[in-house]
Protein backbone atom coordinates (compact mmCIF):
# COMPACT_ATOMS: atom_id res chain seq x y z
CA MET A 1 -11.58 47.77 131.89
CA LEU A 2 -9.84 50.58 130.07
CA ASP A 3 -6.06 50.79 130.13
CA LYS A 4 -6.12 53.96 132.22
CA ASP A 5 -8.48 52.31 134.73
CA LEU A 6 -6.23 49.25 134.94
CA LEU A 7 -3.17 51.45 135.47
CA ALA A 8 -4.98 53.42 138.19
CA THR A 9 -5.86 50.14 139.95
CA CYS A 10 -2.25 48.94 139.68
CA ASP A 11 -0.96 52.25 141.04
CA ALA A 12 -3.35 52.09 143.99
CA THR A 13 -2.35 48.49 144.72
CA ARG A 14 1.35 49.34 144.46
CA GLU A 15 0.89 52.17 146.99
CA LEU A 16 -0.97 49.87 149.37
CA VAL A 17 1.84 47.29 149.10
CA LYS A 18 4.34 50.02 150.03
CA ILE A 19 2.24 50.93 153.07
CA VAL A 20 1.96 47.33 154.27
CA ILE A 21 5.66 46.63 153.67
CA GLY A 22 6.50 49.74 155.68
CA ARG A 23 4.38 48.52 158.58
CA VAL A 24 6.13 45.12 158.69
CA ARG A 25 9.35 46.95 159.64
CA VAL A 26 8.37 46.64 163.34
CA SER A 27 8.96 42.89 163.07
CA CYS A 28 12.45 43.14 161.52
CA GLY A 29 15.42 42.94 163.86
CA GLN A 30 19.09 43.61 163.26
CA ALA A 31 19.72 39.88 162.67
CA ASP A 32 17.13 39.90 159.86
CA PHE A 33 18.90 42.81 158.19
CA LYS A 34 22.30 41.16 158.64
CA ASN A 35 21.06 37.92 157.06
CA ALA A 36 19.60 39.79 154.11
CA ALA A 37 22.77 41.85 153.61
CA ASP A 38 24.82 38.66 153.79
CA SER A 39 22.56 37.01 151.18
CA MET A 40 23.11 40.01 148.93
CA GLY A 41 26.88 39.78 149.44
CA ILE A 42 27.13 43.26 150.95
CA LEU A 43 27.73 42.44 154.62
CA SER A 44 30.92 44.11 155.82
CA PRO A 45 33.02 42.63 158.59
CA GLY A 46 32.71 44.40 161.92
CA LYS A 47 29.84 46.61 162.97
CA PHE A 48 26.67 46.25 160.87
CA ALA A 49 25.04 49.27 159.29
CA LEU A 50 22.57 49.49 156.44
CA PRO A 51 24.15 50.70 153.20
CA GLY A 52 24.15 54.49 152.78
CA ASP A 53 22.50 54.28 149.38
CA VAL A 54 18.71 54.41 149.78
CA ARG A 55 17.95 51.96 146.95
CA THR A 56 20.27 49.29 148.37
CA SER A 57 18.96 49.83 151.91
CA ARG A 58 15.41 49.38 150.63
CA MET A 59 16.41 46.15 148.88
CA VAL A 60 18.01 44.83 152.10
CA TYR A 61 14.85 45.65 154.05
CA GLU A 62 12.51 44.05 151.50
CA LEU A 63 14.64 40.91 151.34
CA ALA A 64 14.85 40.76 155.15
CA MET A 65 11.08 40.82 155.40
CA PHE A 66 10.74 37.62 153.34
CA GLU A 67 13.89 35.70 154.30
CA SER A 68 13.66 32.97 156.95
CA ASP A 69 15.94 33.05 159.98
CA GLY A 70 17.64 29.99 161.47
CA ARG A 71 14.33 28.86 163.02
CA GLY A 72 12.40 29.18 159.75
CA SER A 73 10.55 32.33 160.83
CA ARG A 74 10.28 35.42 158.64
CA PRO A 75 9.61 38.95 159.90
CA LEU A 76 6.43 38.92 157.83
CA ASP A 77 5.28 35.75 159.64
CA ARG A 78 6.01 37.37 163.01
CA PHE A 79 4.07 40.45 161.93
CA LEU A 80 1.06 38.31 160.97
CA ARG A 81 0.92 36.74 164.45
CA TRP A 82 -0.12 39.92 166.22
CA PRO A 83 0.81 43.43 164.94
CA VAL A 84 -1.25 42.94 161.77
CA ARG A 85 -4.43 43.12 163.86
CA ALA A 86 -3.91 46.86 164.35
CA LEU A 87 -4.27 47.46 160.59
CA PRO A 88 -7.48 48.11 158.68
CA GLU A 89 -9.00 44.91 157.25
CA HIS A 90 -7.94 45.62 153.64
CA GLU A 91 -4.30 46.05 154.76
CA GLN A 92 -4.49 42.85 156.82
CA ASP A 93 -5.77 41.02 153.75
CA LEU A 94 -2.91 42.31 151.63
CA ALA A 95 -0.34 41.37 154.30
CA ARG A 96 -1.69 37.82 154.36
CA ARG A 97 -1.54 37.65 150.56
CA LEU A 98 2.03 38.96 150.55
CA SER A 99 3.02 36.20 152.98
CA LYS A 100 2.03 33.61 150.37
CA ALA A 101 3.71 35.36 147.45
CA VAL A 102 7.00 34.42 145.84
CA PHE A 103 9.32 37.19 144.76
CA SER A 104 12.46 37.49 142.70
CA LEU A 105 14.48 40.61 143.33
CA PHE A 106 16.78 41.91 140.66
CA ARG A 107 18.79 45.07 140.40
CA ILE A 108 19.77 45.93 136.86
CA THR A 109 22.97 47.92 136.81
CA GLY A 110 23.89 47.59 133.15
CA ARG A 111 23.94 45.44 130.07
CA HIS A 112 25.09 41.82 130.50
CA GLU A 113 26.69 40.69 127.27
CA ALA A 114 26.73 36.95 128.07
CA GLY A 115 23.09 37.03 129.21
CA GLY A 116 21.94 39.04 126.22
CA ILE A 117 20.13 41.61 128.33
């Protein structure tokens, strides 16, 4: 496969992941967002609201989708129980694959002298 073909495949897959992640939103509740914001250390006391900055809000949402609640259930798992059936087969397949994936989320804000990066 040529580099440009590989990049085109990666771009198409990345877009499909964005679509599927967007559809899982129906299974995320306020408690899921609160837990994710708390895990990120950005939960403010009082009334909960997603951060105003789009990038941070997106990170909270993506973390919420994969983080287990107190009962060990993730929004993605709840989505796979029923709502996923409304998707085309290739999107269902990707959602199932995402549920088995392991992710590390990092936000690089600047150089870290001690870490050397």
